[in-house]
Amino acid sequence: MRKLSDLSLTIKVNKPVEMVWSSLVDWSSQGKWMLQTKVWSELDQDRTVKNGKGVLIFAFTGLFPSLYPKLRLGILDTMEIRKWHPPLLCEVDHIGRVIRGSGKFELKKIKGGTIFYWHEEIIAPPIVLLFVKPVLMAGVWLSLRRFARQVSA
């Protein structure tokens, strides 16, 4: 396994930090803005679980994500929330079989909106990293732009 570190992007969202946070942590709605991805969490199955540290999040990224689990042409990324400081910081550990590492999003209040900082540090087989890095960066860049447009609408 090899580490692919410091994948990060920043985008401005023209809405208050609380509104941006609320949209980000609505895990099951992330598929509306995250390209080729279906996201769900423990919260979807157990309404007694509170969003925050320890919650498991699942993101299937690939072809036809809406057909998962019937069609599995992609990668399932399993994450556990490690740090939870609403409405400014969420850190996760990637704990799946293929994707390991950490990720976070951090929000900062600014005049007229919010700065959204995304960062991932991924540990995966070298062949996965070779093909994934450029696609991942392009996909996340497009996804974050979609997110900003969606929240600002």
N, C-alpha and C. Protein backbone atom coordinates (compact mmCIF):
# COMPACT_ATOMS: atom_id res chain seq x y z
N MET A 1 0.85 -1.18 0.00
CA MET A 1 0.00 0.00 0.00
C MET A 1 0.90 1.24 0.00
N ARG A 2 0.42 2.26 -0.68
CA ARG A 2 1.14 3.52 -0.76
C ARG A 2 0.19 4.64 -0.37
N LYS A 3 0.73 5.69 0.20
CA LYS A 3 -0.10 6.81 0.65
C LYS A 3 -0.15 7.89 -0.43
N LEU A 4 -1.33 8.39 -0.67
CA LEU A 4 -1.53 9.52 -1.57
C LEU A 4 -2.01 10.64 -0.67
N SER A 5 -1.18 11.63 -0.43
CA SER A 5 -1.55 12.61 0.59
C SER A 5 -1.87 13.97 0.00
N ASP A 6 -2.48 14.75 0.85
CA ASP A 6 -2.74 16.16 0.58
C ASP A 6 -3.53 16.43 -0.69
N LEU A 7 -4.59 15.70 -0.90
CA LEU A 7 -5.55 16.06 -1.93
C LEU A 7 -6.47 17.09 -1.30
N SER A 8 -6.42 18.32 -1.77
CA SER A 8 -7.27 19.32 -1.14
C SER A 8 -7.77 20.34 -2.15
N LEU A 9 -8.96 20.83 -1.88
CA LEU A 9 -9.60 21.86 -2.70
C LEU A 9 -10.34 22.81 -1.78
N THR A 10 -10.50 24.04 -2.24
CA THR A 10 -11.22 25.06 -1.49
C THR A 10 -12.19 25.75 -2.43
N ILE A 11 -13.39 26.03 -1.91
CA ILE A 11 -14.39 26.73 -2.72
C ILE A 11 -15.17 27.68 -1.82
N LYS A 12 -15.62 28.78 -2.40
CA LYS A 12 -16.45 29.73 -1.66
C LYS A 12 -17.91 29.41 -1.94
N VAL A 13 -18.71 29.45 -0.88
CA VAL A 13 -20.16 29.25 -0.99
C VAL A 13 -20.82 30.52 -0.47
N ASN A 14 -21.72 31.07 -1.25
CA ASN A 14 -22.35 32.35 -0.90
C ASN A 14 -23.54 32.19 0.03
N LYS A 15 -23.35 31.44 1.09
CA LYS A 15 -24.39 31.24 2.10
C LYS A 15 -23.72 31.17 3.47
N PRO A 16 -24.50 31.41 4.54
CA PRO A 16 -23.93 31.35 5.89
C PRO A 16 -23.41 29.95 6.23
N VAL A 17 -22.42 29.90 7.09
CA VAL A 17 -21.77 28.65 7.45
C VAL A 17 -22.77 27.62 7.99
N GLU A 18 -23.76 28.04 8.75
CA GLU A 18 -24.73 27.09 9.31
C GLU A 18 -25.54 26.39 8.21
N MET A 19 -25.88 27.12 7.17
CA MET A 19 -26.63 26.55 6.06
C MET A 19 -25.75 25.58 5.26
N VAL A 20 -24.49 25.97 5.06
CA VAL A 20 -23.55 25.10 4.34
C VAL A 20 -23.34 23.81 5.13
N TRP A 21 -23.14 23.93 6.42
CA TRP A 21 -22.93 22.77 7.28
C TRP A 21 -24.13 21.82 7.20
N SER A 22 -25.30 22.37 7.34
CA SER A 22 -26.52 21.57 7.32
C SER A 22 -26.63 20.76 6.02
N SER A 23 -26.29 21.38 4.92
CA SER A 23 -26.35 20.68 3.63
C SER A 23 -25.26 19.61 3.53
N LEU A 24 -24.07 19.90 4.03
CA LEU A 24 -22.96 18.93 3.95
C LEU A 24 -23.23 17.67 4.75
N VAL A 25 -23.79 17.82 5.95
CA VAL A 25 -23.95 16.66 6.83
C VAL A 25 -25.27 15.94 6.63
N ASP A 26 -26.02 16.32 5.62
CA ASP A 26 -27.19 15.56 5.20
C ASP A 26 -26.65 14.50 4.24
N TRP A 27 -26.11 13.43 4.82
CA TRP A 27 -25.32 12.45 4.07
C TRP A 27 -26.08 11.90 2.87
N SER A 28 -27.32 11.51 3.05
CA SER A 28 -28.06 10.87 1.96
C SER A 28 -28.34 11.81 0.79
N SER A 29 -28.25 13.12 1.01
CA SER A 29 -28.47 14.05 -0.12
C SER A 29 -27.18 14.36 -0.87
N GLN A 30 -26.05 13.86 -0.39
CA GLN A 30 -24.79 14.16 -1.07
C GLN A 30 -24.75 13.63 -2.50
N GLY A 31 -25.48 12.58 -2.78
CA GLY A 31 -25.53 12.05 -4.13
C GLY A 31 -26.11 13.02 -5.15
N LYS A 32 -26.82 14.04 -4.67
CA LYS A 32 -27.37 15.05 -5.58
C LYS A 32 -26.29 15.95 -6.15
N TRP A 33 -25.17 16.08 -5.46
CA TRP A 33 -24.10 16.96 -5.95
C TRP A 33 -22.76 16.25 -6.13
N MET A 34 -22.57 15.10 -5.50
CA MET A 34 -21.32 14.36 -5.64
C MET A 34 -21.42 13.43 -6.84
N LEU A 35 -20.56 13.64 -7.81
CA LEU A 35 -20.62 12.90 -9.07
C LEU A 35 -20.53 11.39 -8.87
N GLN A 36 -21.41 10.68 -9.56
CA GLN A 36 -21.38 9.22 -9.63
C GLN A 36 -21.30 8.55 -8.25
N THR A 37 -21.95 9.13 -7.26
CA THR A 37 -21.84 8.62 -5.90
C THR A 37 -23.20 8.53 -5.22
N LYS A 38 -23.38 7.46 -4.48
CA LYS A 38 -24.55 7.27 -3.62
C LYS A 38 -24.03 7.23 -2.19
N VAL A 39 -24.60 8.05 -1.31
CA VAL A 39 -24.12 8.15 0.07
C VAL A 39 -25.27 7.83 1.03
N TRP A 40 -24.96 7.11 2.08
CA TRP A 40 -25.92 6.84 3.15
C TRP A 40 -25.13 6.67 4.45
N SER A 41 -25.85 6.64 5.56
CA SER A 41 -25.18 6.50 6.85
C SER A 41 -26.04 5.65 7.78
N GLU A 42 -25.50 5.42 8.95
CA GLU A 42 -26.25 4.70 9.99
C GLU A 42 -27.54 5.43 10.32
N LEU A 43 -27.55 6.73 10.17
CA LEU A 43 -28.73 7.53 10.50
C LEU A 43 -29.93 7.12 9.68
N ASP A 44 -29.70 6.61 8.47
CA ASP A 44 -30.79 6.20 7.60
C ASP A 44 -31.50 4.94 8.10
N GLN A 45 -30.77 4.09 8.82
CA GLN A 45 -31.35 2.85 9.31
C GLN A 45 -31.82 2.94 10.75
N ASP A 46 -31.20 3.80 11.55
CA ASP A 46 -31.50 3.87 12.97
C ASP A 46 -31.70 5.32 13.39
N ARG A 47 -32.93 5.73 13.55
CA ARG A 47 -33.26 7.13 13.88
C ARG A 47 -32.84 7.52 15.30
N THR A 48 -32.43 6.54 16.11
CA THR A 48 -31.99 6.87 17.46
C THR A 48 -30.53 7.32 17.48
N VAL A 49 -29.79 7.06 16.40
CA VAL A 49 -28.38 7.46 16.31
C VAL A 49 -28.31 8.95 16.02
N LYS A 50 -27.45 9.66 16.73
CA LYS A 50 -27.25 11.09 16.53
C LYS A 50 -26.06 11.29 15.60
N ASN A 51 -26.17 12.26 14.69
CA ASN A 51 -25.07 12.59 13.80
C ASN A 51 -23.89 13.08 14.63
N GLY A 52 -22.71 12.57 14.34
CA GLY A 52 -21.53 13.02 15.07
C GLY A 52 -20.48 11.94 15.18
N LYS A 53 -19.57 12.12 16.11
CA LYS A 53 -18.43 11.21 16.28
C LYS A 53 -18.90 9.77 16.41
N GLY A 54 -18.23 8.89 15.64
CA GLY A 54 -18.54 7.46 15.68
C GLY A 54 -19.52 7.00 14.63
N VAL A 55 -20.25 7.91 14.00
CA VAL A 55 -21.24 7.52 12.98
C VAL A 55 -20.52 6.99 11.74
N LEU A 56 -21.07 5.91 11.18
CA LEU A 56 -20.52 5.33 9.95
C LEU A 56 -21.24 5.93 8.74
N ILE A 57 -20.45 6.27 7.72
CA ILE A 57 -20.95 6.81 6.46
C ILE A 57 -20.44 5.91 5.35
N PHE A 58 -21.29 5.64 4.37
CA PHE A 58 -20.93 4.78 3.25
C PHE A 58 -21.13 5.54 1.95
N ALA A 59 -20.12 5.50 1.08
CA ALA A 59 -20.21 6.18 -0.21
C ALA A 59 -19.78 5.21 -1.30
N PHE A 60 -20.72 4.88 -2.17
CA PHE A 60 -20.41 4.03 -3.31
C PHE A 60 -20.22 4.93 -4.52
N THR A 61 -19.03 4.89 -5.11
CA THR A 61 -18.71 5.70 -6.28
C THR A 61 -18.38 4.76 -7.43
N GLY A 62 -19.04 4.99 -8.55
CA GLY A 62 -18.79 4.15 -9.71
C GLY A 62 -19.86 4.35 -10.76
N LEU A 63 -19.99 3.35 -11.62
CA LEU A 63 -21.01 3.39 -12.67
C LEU A 63 -22.36 3.01 -12.08
N PHE A 64 -23.36 3.77 -12.42
CA PHE A 64 -24.74 3.52 -11.98
C PHE A 64 -24.87 3.37 -10.47
N PRO A 65 -24.42 4.39 -9.71
CA PRO A 65 -24.46 4.27 -8.25
C PRO A 65 -25.86 4.06 -7.67
N SER A 66 -26.87 4.53 -8.37
CA SER A 66 -28.24 4.36 -7.85
C SER A 66 -28.66 2.90 -7.85
N LEU A 67 -27.97 2.05 -8.60
CA LEU A 67 -28.30 0.62 -8.64
C LEU A 67 -27.56 -0.19 -7.58
N TYR A 68 -26.68 0.45 -6.82
CA TYR A 68 -25.98 -0.26 -5.76
C TYR A 68 -26.98 -0.67 -4.70
N PRO A 69 -26.98 -1.85 -4.16
CA PRO A 69 -25.97 -2.90 -4.22
C PRO A 69 -26.21 -3.96 -5.30
N LYS A 70 -27.28 -3.83 -6.10
CA LYS A 70 -27.55 -4.84 -7.12
C LYS A 70 -26.44 -4.89 -8.16
N LEU A 71 -25.92 -3.73 -8.54
CA LEU A 71 -24.85 -3.63 -9.52
C LEU A 71 -23.66 -2.95 -8.84
N ARG A 72 -22.53 -3.64 -8.80
CA ARG A 72 -21.37 -3.14 -8.05
C ARG A 72 -20.20 -2.87 -8.99
N LEU A 73 -20.31 -1.81 -9.78
CA LEU A 73 -19.24 -1.41 -10.67
C LEU A 73 -18.61 -0.13 -10.12
N GLY A 74 -17.82 -0.28 -9.07
CA GLY A 74 -17.21 0.87 -8.43
C GLY A 74 -16.60 0.47 -7.10
N ILE A 75 -16.41 1.46 -6.26
CA ILE A 75 -15.74 1.26 -4.97
C ILE A 75 -16.63 1.77 -3.84
N LEU A 76 -16.74 0.95 -2.81
CA LEU A 76 -17.46 1.35 -1.60
C LEU A 76 -16.45 1.92 -0.62
N ASP A 77 -16.68 3.16 -0.22
CA ASP A 77 -15.82 3.84 0.74
C ASP A 77 -16.58 3.91 2.06
N THR A 78 -16.06 3.23 3.08
CA THR A 78 -16.67 3.23 4.40
C THR A 78 -15.88 4.19 5.28
N MET A 79 -16.60 5.11 5.93
CA MET A 79 -15.95 6.12 6.76
C MET A 79 -16.58 6.15 8.15
N GLU A 80 -15.77 6.50 9.13
CA GLU A 80 -16.25 6.72 10.49
C GLU A 80 -15.88 8.14 10.91
N ILE A 81 -16.86 8.87 11.43
CA ILE A 81 -16.59 10.24 11.87
C ILE A 81 -15.68 10.19 13.10
N ARG A 82 -14.54 10.88 12.98
CA ARG A 82 -13.53 10.92 14.04
C ARG A 82 -13.63 12.19 14.87
N LYS A 83 -13.85 13.32 14.21
CA LYS A 83 -14.01 14.61 14.90
C LYS A 83 -15.27 15.28 14.37
N TRP A 84 -15.99 15.90 15.27
CA TRP A 84 -17.28 16.51 14.92
C TRP A 84 -17.42 17.81 15.71
N HIS A 85 -17.26 18.92 15.01
CA HIS A 85 -17.37 20.23 15.64
C HIS A 85 -18.28 21.13 14.79
N PRO A 86 -19.61 20.91 14.89
CA PRO A 86 -20.54 21.72 14.10
C PRO A 86 -20.46 23.20 14.47
N PRO A 87 -20.59 24.10 13.57
CA PRO A 87 -20.73 23.92 12.13
C PRO A 87 -19.43 24.17 11.37
N LEU A 88 -18.30 23.75 11.94
CA LEU A 88 -17.02 24.11 11.32
C LEU A 88 -16.15 22.96 10.85
N LEU A 89 -16.24 21.79 11.47
CA LEU A 89 -15.28 20.73 11.15
C LEU A 89 -15.89 19.34 11.28
N CYS A 90 -15.63 18.53 10.27
CA CYS A 90 -15.95 17.09 10.32
C CYS A 90 -14.74 16.35 9.75
N GLU A 91 -14.18 15.44 10.54
CA GLU A 91 -13.07 14.61 10.08
C GLU A 91 -13.52 13.15 10.11
N VAL A 92 -13.09 12.41 9.11
CA VAL A 92 -13.45 11.00 9.02
C VAL A 92 -12.21 10.15 8.82
N ASP A 93 -12.33 8.89 9.21
CA ASP A 93 -11.33 7.88 8.88
C ASP A 93 -11.95 6.98 7.83
N HIS A 94 -11.22 6.74 6.73
CA HIS A 94 -11.64 5.79 5.71
C HIS A 94 -11.22 4.41 6.21
N ILE A 95 -12.18 3.54 6.44
CA ILE A 95 -11.90 2.26 7.09
C ILE A 95 -12.28 1.06 6.22
N GLY A 96 -12.48 1.29 4.94
CA GLY A 96 -12.90 0.22 4.05
C GLY A 96 -11.77 -0.73 3.68
N ARG A 97 -12.10 -1.73 2.88
CA ARG A 97 -11.11 -2.71 2.45
C ARG A 97 -10.19 -2.16 1.38
N VAL A 98 -10.67 -1.28 0.52
CA VAL A 98 -9.85 -0.76 -0.57
C VAL A 98 -9.31 0.62 -0.24
N ILE A 99 -10.15 1.50 0.27
CA ILE A 99 -9.73 2.86 0.56
C ILE A 99 -9.55 3.03 2.06
N ARG A 100 -8.35 3.49 2.43
CA ARG A 100 -8.01 3.75 3.82
C ARG A 100 -7.45 5.17 3.88
N GLY A 101 -7.40 5.74 5.06
CA GLY A 101 -6.83 7.06 5.22
C GLY A 101 -7.75 7.96 6.01
N SER A 102 -7.70 9.25 5.70
CA SER A 102 -8.52 10.21 6.44
C SER A 102 -9.02 11.29 5.49
N GLY A 103 -10.04 11.98 5.95
CA GLY A 103 -10.60 13.08 5.17
C GLY A 103 -11.25 14.08 6.10
N LYS A 104 -11.43 15.28 5.59
CA LYS A 104 -12.12 16.28 6.40
C LYS A 104 -12.72 17.35 5.52
N PHE A 105 -13.73 17.98 6.06
CA PHE A 105 -14.15 19.26 5.52
C PHE A 105 -14.20 20.25 6.66
N GLU A 106 -13.78 21.45 6.32
CA GLU A 106 -13.70 22.52 7.29
C GLU A 106 -14.36 23.75 6.69
N LEU A 107 -15.17 24.40 7.48
CA LEU A 107 -15.87 25.59 7.02
C LEU A 107 -15.36 26.79 7.81
N LYS A 108 -15.27 27.92 7.10
CA LYS A 108 -14.83 29.16 7.74
C LYS A 108 -15.78 30.28 7.34
N LYS A 109 -16.29 30.99 8.36
CA LYS A 109 -17.17 32.13 8.10
C LYS A 109 -16.34 33.26 7.48
N ILE A 110 -16.88 33.83 6.41
CA ILE A 110 -16.29 35.02 5.80
C ILE A 110 -17.42 35.99 5.48
N LYS A 111 -17.06 37.21 5.19
CA LYS A 111 -18.06 38.20 4.81
C LYS A 111 -18.73 37.74 3.52
N GLY A 112 -20.05 37.63 3.55
CA GLY A 112 -20.80 37.24 2.37
C GLY A 112 -20.87 35.74 2.10
N GLY A 113 -20.43 34.92 3.07
CA GLY A 113 -20.54 33.49 2.82
C GLY A 113 -19.63 32.63 3.67
N THR A 114 -19.16 31.55 3.03
CA THR A 114 -18.40 30.52 3.73
C THR A 114 -17.29 30.01 2.81
N ILE A 115 -16.14 29.75 3.38
CA ILE A 115 -15.08 29.04 2.66
C ILE A 115 -15.20 27.57 3.07
N PHE A 116 -15.26 26.70 2.07
CA PHE A 116 -15.37 25.25 2.27
C PHE A 116 -14.04 24.64 1.83
N TYR A 117 -13.35 24.04 2.79
CA TYR A 117 -12.05 23.41 2.54
C TYR A 117 -12.23 21.90 2.63
N TRP A 118 -11.87 21.18 1.56
CA TRP A 118 -11.96 19.72 1.51
C TRP A 118 -10.56 19.14 1.44
N HIS A 119 -10.30 18.09 2.21
CA HIS A 119 -8.97 17.48 2.22
C HIS A 119 -9.10 15.97 2.39
N GLU A 120 -8.33 15.23 1.62
CA GLU A 120 -8.29 13.76 1.75
C GLU A 120 -6.84 13.30 1.78
N GLU A 121 -6.60 12.29 2.58
CA GLU A 121 -5.32 11.59 2.59
C GLU A 121 -5.68 10.12 2.45
N ILE A 122 -5.34 9.54 1.31
CA ILE A 122 -5.82 8.19 0.99
C ILE A 122 -4.66 7.21 0.93
N ILE A 123 -4.90 6.02 1.47
CA ILE A 123 -3.97 4.91 1.36
C ILE A 123 -4.68 3.84 0.55
N ALA A 124 -4.09 3.48 -0.57
CA ALA A 124 -4.70 2.49 -1.46
C ALA A 124 -3.60 1.84 -2.27
N PRO A 125 -3.89 0.72 -2.93
CA PRO A 125 -2.88 0.08 -3.78
C PRO A 125 -2.39 1.05 -4.85
N PRO A 126 -1.09 0.99 -5.20
CA PRO A 126 -0.52 1.91 -6.18
C PRO A 126 -1.30 1.99 -7.50
N ILE A 127 -1.80 0.89 -7.99
CA ILE A 127 -2.53 0.90 -9.26
C ILE A 127 -3.82 1.71 -9.13
N VAL A 128 -4.48 1.63 -7.98
CA VAL A 128 -5.69 2.41 -7.74
C VAL A 128 -5.34 3.89 -7.72
N LEU A 129 -4.26 4.23 -7.02
CA LEU A 129 -3.86 5.63 -6.91
C LEU A 129 -3.46 6.22 -8.26
N LEU A 130 -2.79 5.43 -9.08
CA LEU A 130 -2.35 5.90 -10.39
C LEU A 130 -3.53 6.39 -11.22
N PHE A 131 -4.61 5.63 -11.20
CA PHE A 131 -5.78 5.98 -12.00
C PHE A 131 -6.77 6.88 -11.26
N VAL A 132 -6.79 6.78 -9.95
CA VAL A 132 -7.80 7.48 -9.17
C VAL A 132 -7.47 8.95 -8.96
N LYS A 133 -6.20 9.29 -8.72
CA LYS A 133 -5.87 10.67 -8.35
C LYS A 133 -6.39 11.71 -9.33
N PRO A 134 -6.07 11.64 -10.63
CA PRO A 134 -6.56 12.69 -11.53
C PRO A 134 -8.09 12.70 -11.66
N VAL A 135 -8.69 11.54 -11.68
CA VAL A 135 -10.14 11.45 -11.79
C VAL A 135 -10.79 11.96 -10.51
N LEU A 136 -10.23 11.58 -9.37
CA LEU A 136 -10.75 12.02 -8.08
C LEU A 136 -10.71 13.54 -7.96
N MET A 137 -9.59 14.13 -8.30
CA MET A 137 -9.46 15.59 -8.18
C MET A 137 -10.45 16.31 -9.10
N ALA A 138 -10.56 15.84 -10.34
CA ALA A 138 -11.52 16.47 -11.27
C ALA A 138 -12.95 16.28 -10.78
N GLY A 139 -13.26 15.07 -10.33
CA GLY A 139 -14.61 14.78 -9.85
C GLY A 139 -14.97 15.58 -8.61
N VAL A 140 -14.04 15.70 -7.68
CA VAL A 140 -14.31 16.47 -6.47
C VAL A 140 -14.45 17.95 -6.80
N TRP A 141 -13.61 18.46 -7.68
CA TRP A 141 -13.71 19.87 -8.08
C TRP A 141 -15.08 20.16 -8.67
N LEU A 142 -15.53 19.29 -9.59
CA LEU A 142 -16.86 19.47 -10.19
C LEU A 142 -17.96 19.31 -9.13
N SER A 143 -17.80 18.35 -8.26
CA SER A 143 -18.80 18.11 -7.22
C SER A 143 -18.92 19.29 -6.27
N LEU A 144 -17.80 19.86 -5.85
CA LEU A 144 -17.85 21.00 -4.94
C LEU A 144 -18.48 22.22 -5.61
N ARG A 145 -18.23 22.40 -6.88
CA ARG A 145 -18.88 23.49 -7.62
C ARG A 145 -20.39 23.26 -7.69
N ARG A 146 -20.80 22.01 -7.92
CA ARG A 146 -22.23 21.69 -7.93
C ARG A 146 -22.85 21.95 -6.57
N PHE A 147 -22.12 21.55 -5.52
CA PHE A 147 -22.60 21.77 -4.16
C PHE A 147 -22.82 23.27 -3.91
N ALA A 148 -21.83 24.08 -4.25
CA ALA A 148 -21.93 25.53 -4.01
C ALA A 148 -23.11 26.12 -4.76
N ARG A 149 -23.32 25.69 -6.00
CA ARG A 149 -24.47 26.19 -6.77
C ARG A 149 -25.79 25.74 -6.14
N GLN A 150 -25.85 24.49 -5.72
CA GLN A 150 -27.07 23.94 -5.13
C GLN A 150 -27.43 24.67 -3.83
N VAL A 151 -26.46 24.87 -2.96
CA VAL A 151 -26.72 25.53 -1.68
C VAL A 151 -27.07 27.00 -1.89
N SER A 152 -26.45 27.62 -2.86
CA SER A 152 -26.65 29.06 -3.10
C SER A 152 -27.94 29.36 -3.85
N ALA A 153 -28.57 28.32 -4.43
CA ALA A 153 -29.79 28.55 -5.22
C ALA A 153 -30.96 28.95 -4.36
